[in-house]
Amino acid sequence: MNFFNWFRQIAIIYLLAFPAMVIFGFAFVPYMRYKIVKIGNLILQISALYFLTTMLTSKSFYYKNSKNSRTLLTVTPCKER
């Protein structure tokens, strides 16, 4: 799986964490919904941010696909005279 598919999936999890937790919260009694939604949203968003951070800062998918892995100056071997 390439970088952009991973990025899209993690971004979707991050953006849909709150609406999904609100829908999930309706399964609980009203006085517990706020805590369930708050804690579940916190866990989902922290995990998505962790994966985005590791994906963008470590030498993984992003590093292999970006300009950072290549040098700007091309080094060619000198011919002997």
C-alpha atoms as a PDB file:
ATOM      1  CA  MET A   1       0.000   0.000   0.000  1.00  0.00           C
ATOM      2  CA  ASN A   2       1.449   3.354  -0.936  1.00  0.00           C
ATOM      3  CA  PHE A   3       1.760   6.534   1.078  1.00  0.00           C
ATOM      4  CA  PHE A   4      -1.333   8.298  -0.225  1.00  0.00           C
ATOM      5  CA  ASN A   5      -3.666   5.391   0.571  1.00  0.00           C
ATOM      6  CA  TRP A   6      -2.337   5.230   4.144  1.00  0.00           C
ATOM      7  CA  PHE A   7      -2.637   9.001   4.500  1.00  0.00           C
ATOM      8  CA  ARG A   8      -6.212   8.996   3.181  1.00  0.00           C
ATOM      9  CA  GLN A   9      -7.320   6.212   5.519  1.00  0.00           C
ATOM     10  CA  ILE A  10      -5.796   7.786   8.619  1.00  0.00           C
ATOM     11  CA  ALA A  11      -7.175  11.229   7.726  1.00  0.00           C
ATOM     12  CA  ILE A  12     -10.654   9.733   7.304  1.00  0.00           C
ATOM     13  CA  ILE A  13     -10.389   8.126  10.751  1.00  0.00           C
ATOM     14  CA  TYR A  14      -9.303  11.458  12.225  1.00  0.00           C
ATOM     15  CA  LEU A  15     -12.099  13.449  10.590  1.00  0.00           C
ATOM     16  CA  LEU A  16     -14.886  10.937  11.223  1.00  0.00           C
ATOM     17  CA  ALA A  17     -13.910  10.114  14.808  1.00  0.00           C
ATOM     18  CA  PHE A  18     -16.346  12.537  16.418  1.00  0.00           C
ATOM     19  CA  PRO A  19     -19.448  11.743  14.307  1.00  0.00           C
ATOM     20  CA  ALA A  20     -18.802   8.017  14.702  1.00  0.00           C
ATOM     21  CA  MET A  21     -18.492   8.326  18.473  1.00  0.00           C
ATOM     22  CA  VAL A  22     -21.698  10.368  18.709  1.00  0.00           C
ATOM     23  CA  ILE A  23     -23.592   7.678  16.800  1.00  0.00           C
ATOM     24  CA  PHE A  24     -21.942   5.007  18.965  1.00  0.00           C
ATOM     25  CA  GLY A  25     -22.880   6.997  22.080  1.00  0.00           C
ATOM     26  CA  PHE A  26     -26.583   6.569  21.409  1.00  0.00           C
ATOM     27  CA  ALA A  27     -26.227   2.939  22.497  1.00  0.00           C
ATOM     28  CA  PHE A  28     -25.606   4.076  26.086  1.00  0.00           C
ATOM     29  CA  VAL A  29     -27.809   5.733  28.661  1.00  0.00           C
ATOM     30  CA  PRO A  30     -27.945   9.561  28.417  1.00  0.00           C
ATOM     31  CA  TYR A  31     -25.899  10.312  31.515  1.00  0.00           C
ATOM     32  CA  MET A  32     -22.976   8.179  30.231  1.00  0.00           C
ATOM     33  CA  ARG A  33     -22.984   9.423  26.603  1.00  0.00           C
ATOM     34  CA  TYR A  34     -20.813  12.465  27.203  1.00  0.00           C
ATOM     35  CA  LYS A  35     -18.045  10.466  28.870  1.00  0.00           C
ATOM     36  CA  ILE A  36     -18.159   7.695  26.256  1.00  0.00           C
ATOM     37  CA  VAL A  37     -18.059  10.162  23.352  1.00  0.00           C
ATOM     38  CA  LYS A  38     -15.340  12.288  24.938  1.00  0.00           C
ATOM     39  CA  ILE A  39     -13.031   9.377  25.839  1.00  0.00           C
ATOM     40  CA  GLY A  40     -13.637   7.495  22.581  1.00  0.00           C
ATOM     41  CA  ASN A  41     -13.035  10.617  20.511  1.00  0.00           C
ATOM     42  CA  LEU A  42      -9.840  11.341  22.432  1.00  0.00           C
ATOM     43  CA  ILE A  43      -8.523   7.821  21.877  1.00  0.00           C
ATOM     44  CA  LEU A  44      -9.374   7.763  18.156  1.00  0.00           C
ATOM     45  CA  GLN A  45      -7.921  11.200  17.417  1.00  0.00           C
ATOM     46  CA  ILE A  46      -4.747  10.635  19.427  1.00  0.00           C
ATOM     47  CA  SER A  47      -4.128   7.328  17.682  1.00  0.00           C
ATOM     48  CA  ALA A  48      -4.742   8.880  14.241  1.00  0.00           C
ATOM     49  CA  LEU A  49      -2.420  11.787  15.033  1.00  0.00           C
ATOM     50  CA  TYR A  50       0.227   9.370  16.268  1.00  0.00           C
ATOM     51  CA  PHE A  51       0.099   7.375  13.023  1.00  0.00           C
ATOM     52  CA  LEU A  52       0.141  10.554  10.919  1.00  0.00           C
ATOM     53  CA  THR A  53       3.128  11.882  12.857  1.00  0.00           C
ATOM     54  CA  THR A  54       5.117   8.686  12.574  1.00  0.00           C
ATOM     55  CA  MET A  55       4.233   8.375   8.912  1.00  0.00           C
ATOM     56  CA  LEU A  56       5.341  11.924   8.113  1.00  0.00           C
ATOM     57  CA  THR A  57       8.428  12.220  10.319  1.00  0.00           C
ATOM     58  CA  SER A  58      10.080   8.829  10.242  1.00  0.00           C
ATOM     59  CA  LYS A  59      11.930   7.359   7.310  1.00  0.00           C
ATOM     60  CA  SER A  60       8.950   5.437   6.059  1.00  0.00           C
ATOM     61  CA  PHE A  61       6.464   5.988   3.232  1.00  0.00           C
ATOM     62  CA  TYR A  62       6.708   9.768   3.094  1.00  0.00           C
ATOM     63  CA  TYR A  63      10.488   9.806   3.225  1.00  0.00           C
ATOM     64  CA  LYS A  64      10.725   7.371   0.333  1.00  0.00           C
ATOM     65  CA  ASN A  65       8.294   9.419  -1.785  1.00  0.00           C
ATOM     66  CA  SER A  66       9.541  12.895  -1.002  1.00  0.00           C
ATOM     67  CA  LYS A  67      12.439  15.024  -2.139  1.00  0.00           C
ATOM     68  CA  ASN A  68      14.099  14.525   1.243  1.00  0.00           C
ATOM     69  CA  SER A  69      15.326  11.098   0.236  1.00  0.00           C
ATOM     70  CA  ARG A  70      17.079  12.447  -2.841  1.00  0.00           C
ATOM     71  CA  THR A  71      19.842  15.009  -3.017  1.00  0.00           C
ATOM     72  CA  LEU A  72      19.350  18.186  -5.002  1.00  0.00           C
ATOM     73  CA  LEU A  73      22.861  18.101  -6.418  1.00  0.00           C
ATOM     74  CA  THR A  74      23.556  15.303  -8.801  1.00  0.00           C
ATOM     75  CA  VAL A  75      26.927  13.733  -8.272  1.00  0.00           C
ATOM     76  CA  THR A  76      28.524  12.275 -11.337  1.00  0.00           C
ATOM     77  CA  PRO A  77      31.851  10.513 -11.261  1.00  0.00           C
ATOM     78  CA  CYS A  78      34.689  12.406 -12.905  1.00  0.00           C
ATOM     79  CA  LYS A  79      36.299  10.849 -15.926  1.00  0.00           C
ATOM     80  CA  GLU A  80      39.990  10.231 -15.680  1.00  0.00           C
ATOM     81  CA  ARG A  81      42.121  12.164 -18.167  1.00  0.00           C
END
